[in-house]
Each structure stands twice: as C-alpha cells, then as structure tokens.
Protein backbone atom coordinates (compact mmCIF):
# COMPACT_ATOMS: atom_id res chain seq x y z
CA MET A 1 -6.88 -19.05 -11.86
CA PRO A 2 -7.87 -17.59 -15.47
CA GLY A 3 -8.68 -13.54 -14.58
CA ARG A 4 -7.01 -13.35 -11.45
CA THR A 5 -6.04 -9.77 -10.84
CA SER A 6 -3.88 -8.12 -7.94
CA VAL A 7 -5.15 -4.53 -6.90
CA PHE A 8 -2.37 -2.56 -4.92
CA GLY A 9 -2.07 0.33 -2.69
CA ILE A 10 0.15 2.30 -0.17
CA LEU A 11 -0.92 3.40 3.20
CA LYS A 12 0.03 5.99 5.32
CA THR A 13 -1.12 4.61 8.90
CA LEU A 14 -1.82 1.68 10.89
CA SER A 15 -5.28 3.20 11.73
CA GLN A 16 -6.09 3.08 7.94
CA LEU A 17 -4.89 -0.63 7.42
CA LYS A 18 -7.24 -1.25 10.43
CA GLU A 19 -10.11 0.17 8.05
CA ILE A 20 -9.03 -0.94 4.82
CA VAL A 21 -8.69 -4.56 5.99
CA ALA A 22 -12.18 -4.19 7.91
CA ASP A 23 -13.48 -2.89 4.82
CA LEU A 24 -12.33 -5.48 2.33
CA ARG A 25 -13.33 -8.37 5.08
CA THR A 26 -17.01 -6.98 5.35
CA ALA A 27 -17.03 -6.78 1.55
CA GLY A 28 -16.52 -10.55 1.18
CA PHE A 29 -12.92 -10.44 0.89
CA ARG A 30 -11.22 -13.85 1.90
CA HIS A 31 -8.28 -13.73 4.71
CA ASP A 32 -5.62 -15.58 2.16
CA ASP A 33 -6.59 -12.74 -0.82
CA ILE A 34 -5.14 -10.05 1.32
CA SER A 35 -1.49 -8.94 1.85
CA VAL A 36 -0.24 -6.71 3.61
CA LEU A 37 3.85 -5.49 4.52
CA PHE A 38 5.26 -2.74 6.43
CA ALA A 39 8.77 -2.07 7.92
CA ASP A 40 8.57 -3.40 11.69
CA LYS A 41 9.63 -0.18 13.11
CA SER A 42 9.19 -1.45 17.00
CA GLY A 43 12.88 -2.80 17.36
CA THR A 44 12.20 -4.14 20.58
CA ARG A 45 12.33 -7.73 19.84
CA ASN A 46 14.59 -10.33 17.94
CA LEU A 47 12.99 -11.18 14.34
CA SER A 48 12.98 -14.27 12.60
CA LEU A 49 11.32 -16.06 9.43
CA GLU A 50 8.10 -17.74 10.27
CA LYS A 51 6.38 -19.81 7.94
CA HIS A 52 2.82 -20.65 7.56
CA THR A 53 1.83 -18.92 11.46
CA LYS A 54 -1.56 -18.77 12.78
CA ALA A 55 -4.31 -16.31 13.74
CA SER A 56 -2.77 -16.36 17.44
CA GLU A 57 0.22 -15.35 16.13
CA GLY A 58 -0.93 -12.75 14.42
CA ALA A 59 -1.91 -10.78 17.81
CA ALA A 60 1.80 -11.39 18.69
CA ALA A 61 3.07 -10.36 15.64
CA GLY A 62 0.53 -6.85 16.54
CA ALA A 63 1.99 -6.68 19.53
CA GLY A 64 5.30 -4.71 18.50
CA THR A 65 3.07 -2.29 16.83
CA GLY A 66 0.09 -1.63 18.93
CA ALA A 67 -3.07 -3.65 20.27
CA ILE A 68 -4.59 -1.65 16.66
CA LEU A 69 -3.01 -4.79 14.48
CA GLY A 70 -3.81 -7.76 16.76
CA GLY A 71 -7.53 -8.46 15.54
CA THR A 72 -6.28 -6.81 12.03
CA LEU A 73 -3.28 -9.06 11.21
CA GLY A 74 -4.84 -11.65 13.12
CA TRP A 75 -7.67 -12.58 10.61
CA LEU A 76 -5.07 -12.62 8.06
CA VAL A 77 -2.75 -15.68 6.80
CA GLY A 78 0.97 -16.28 7.81
CA VAL A 79 1.46 -13.48 9.91
CA GLY A 80 5.15 -12.97 10.87
CA ALA A 81 8.29 -10.82 11.35
CA LEU A 82 11.13 -11.46 8.92
CA ALA A 83 14.21 -9.64 7.68
CA ILE A 84 14.37 -8.92 4.36
CA PRO A 85 18.44 -8.93 3.36
CA GLY A 86 19.20 -5.60 2.41
CA LEU A 87 15.91 -3.94 3.41
CA GLY A 88 15.39 -4.67 7.42
CA PRO A 89 12.52 -6.11 9.30
CA PHE A 90 9.16 -6.11 8.08
CA ILE A 91 5.89 -7.64 9.17
CA ALA A 92 4.09 -9.07 6.62
CA ALA A 93 0.79 -11.42 6.07
CA GLY A 94 -1.13 -13.04 3.51
CA PRO A 95 0.40 -14.50 0.22
CA ILE A 96 3.21 -12.23 0.39
CA MET A 97 4.57 -13.54 3.46
CA ALA A 98 4.06 -16.90 2.06
CA ALA A 99 6.17 -15.85 -0.90
CA LEU A 100 9.02 -14.31 1.13
CA ALA A 101 8.81 -17.41 3.56
CA GLY A 102 9.73 -19.63 0.67
CA ALA A 103 12.52 -17.62 -0.83
CA GLY A 104 14.30 -17.29 2.54
CA ALA A 105 13.37 -21.18 3.41
CA GLY A 106 14.53 -21.98 -0.05
CA GLY A 107 18.30 -20.04 0.34
CA ALA A 108 17.30 -17.73 -2.33
CA VAL A 109 17.73 -14.22 -1.93
CA LEU A 110 14.89 -13.06 -3.60
CA GLY A 111 13.50 -9.74 -1.65
CA LEU A 112 10.78 -7.77 -1.91
CA THR A 113 10.72 -6.76 -6.05
CA GLY A 114 11.23 -10.11 -6.47
CA ALA A 115 8.24 -11.55 -4.19
CA MET A 116 5.98 -8.79 -5.69
CA VAL A 117 6.64 -9.79 -9.01
CA GLY A 118 6.21 -13.15 -8.46
CA LEU A 119 3.20 -12.42 -7.11
CA GLY A 120 1.86 -11.13 -10.46
CA THR A 121 3.12 -7.27 -10.30
CA PRO A 122 5.05 -5.63 -13.24
CA GLU A 123 8.90 -5.36 -12.34
CA PHE A 124 8.68 -1.34 -12.58
CA GLU A 125 5.68 -1.23 -10.04
CA ALA A 126 6.74 -3.76 -8.05
CA LYS A 127 10.34 -1.68 -7.56
CA ARG A 128 8.39 1.50 -7.29
CA TYR A 129 6.00 0.03 -4.11
CA GLU A 130 9.32 -1.50 -2.64
CA GLY A 131 10.94 2.12 -2.28
CA MET A 132 7.29 3.58 -0.89
CA VAL A 133 7.43 0.33 1.64
CA THR A 134 11.26 0.77 2.86
CA SER A 135 10.21 4.56 3.03
CA GLY A 136 7.47 3.36 5.73
CA GLY A 137 4.37 3.01 3.37
CA ILE A 138 2.09 -0.12 3.98
CA LEU A 139 1.64 -1.79 1.62
CA VAL A 140 -1.61 -3.71 0.67
CA SER A 141 -2.45 -6.11 -1.83
CA VAL A 142 -5.68 -7.85 -2.84
CA HIS A 143 -5.95 -10.74 -5.03
CA ALA A 144 -9.42 -10.70 -6.91
CA ASP A 145 -11.05 -13.78 -8.78
CA SER A 146 -12.72 -11.59 -11.37
CA SER A 147 -12.65 -7.90 -12.77
CA GLU A 148 -15.96 -7.11 -10.63
CA TRP A 149 -13.87 -8.07 -7.08
CA ALA A 150 -10.87 -5.89 -8.80
CA LYS A 151 -13.06 -3.28 -9.03
CA ARG A 152 -14.56 -3.60 -5.89
CA ALA A 153 -11.04 -3.79 -4.11
CA GLU A 154 -9.92 -0.70 -5.96
CA GLU A 155 -12.76 1.49 -4.67
CA ILE A 156 -12.54 0.37 -1.03
CA LEU A 157 -8.65 0.68 -1.06
CA GLU A 158 -9.37 4.49 -2.75
CA HIS A 159 -12.37 5.07 -0.09
CA GLY A 160 -9.66 4.15 2.52
CA ASN A 161 -7.66 7.33 0.77
CA ALA A 162 -4.80 4.41 -0.16
CA ALA A 163 -2.24 5.98 -2.56
CA ASP A 164 -1.10 4.54 -6.21
CA VAL A 165 -3.93 2.50 -6.04
CA SER A 166 -3.11 0.06 -9.14
CA ARG A 167 -4.00 -3.15 -10.64
CA ALA A 168 -2.04 -6.35 -12.46
CA GLY A 169 -2.80 -9.53 -13.78
CA GLU A 170 -1.84 -12.54 -12.43
CA THR A 171 -0.58 -14.97 -14.54
CA PRO A 172 -0.91 -19.24 -13.31
CA GLY A 173 2.38 -20.31 -12.63
CA GLU A 174 3.73 -16.91 -11.83
CA MET A 175 2.63 -16.50 -8.51
CA LEU A 176 4.77 -17.82 -5.51
CA GLY A 177 3.66 -19.33 -1.99
CA VAL A 178 -0.05 -19.48 -3.03
C-alpha cells in the first residue's frame, strides 16, 4: 500500500506498554497494525513457535509476565512465544510475530534484524533496535496508512515516554507476514 509507514519506539516497562497500546486503540489504530516484541524473562515454561494464534492465547502468553499483559496482548493479532536463534525466548504480537513465525516455519534463520528489515525498517536501525530489545527493552511498531496516522502514532509513543521513536517507509512487497 503506497504511503505506509512504520513508527517504532522502545519502552522500558510493561505498564508503559499497556498504556501505549490502550492509547493506540483509543486513537483508532487497528489491532493488526501494532507489533510488540520483548524478551520473555519468565523462564517458567517451555517455549514453542506459535503462528496465527487467537486473542484467547494472548491471555495465556501474558500470564507468564503478569496479568497486566493478558488484556493488552490479547487484543493484538498473532500473539505467541518463540525462540529466536542466538537471542533466546521472546513474546511477540502483530506483524512482527507473523514475520518471525513465517521465517521459522520456512526453515530460514531470519532473526530479529531480518524480520524488522522485512517490515520496512532500515538495516542500521533494525540492528540498533535488536540491541535494545535484547537488553530488556520492549519494541512497539505501528504501521500507519498515511503521514497523518504516522504522526499520530509518533505522538502517542512520545507521550508515553517511548525512547528512540522513529519512522521508516514501507515498500510494497518488502513486508513479511502481512
């Protein structure tokens, strides 16, 4: 779709994530335009690659990190737990989950940087975000259909104190899993 843009930001806390996802939802963003990715630090369950899960599984995925995430992630699309080779266990939702799951199902070792590049992020920024996520940050990505929606997403992320807010244009045919 011409003019689509991805807006990215890094969060520090799960309560920040809950607030920003709620604000995006209230502003009218679609649940399938929001991606979330963070390291799963619970370490209390066996991880598997789940593709195209439903909202009810969102509550289960959130249970390992607290009840706060059940409703937050349950609204998003494709919530699941996965292991990224060389990086460890993660919880993901949205188009980035589909990109990572699709790569795993195809036998390719795409990794986080490759998935983000496939979603329209320039490679140097994808590597920078991968470093922030593996260091404990929570990545939020919002796909916007126009510059007005991209500006709205940036404002919501900045209002929620997201760090390193940036945007990148998406090239049709370049996106994975959406």
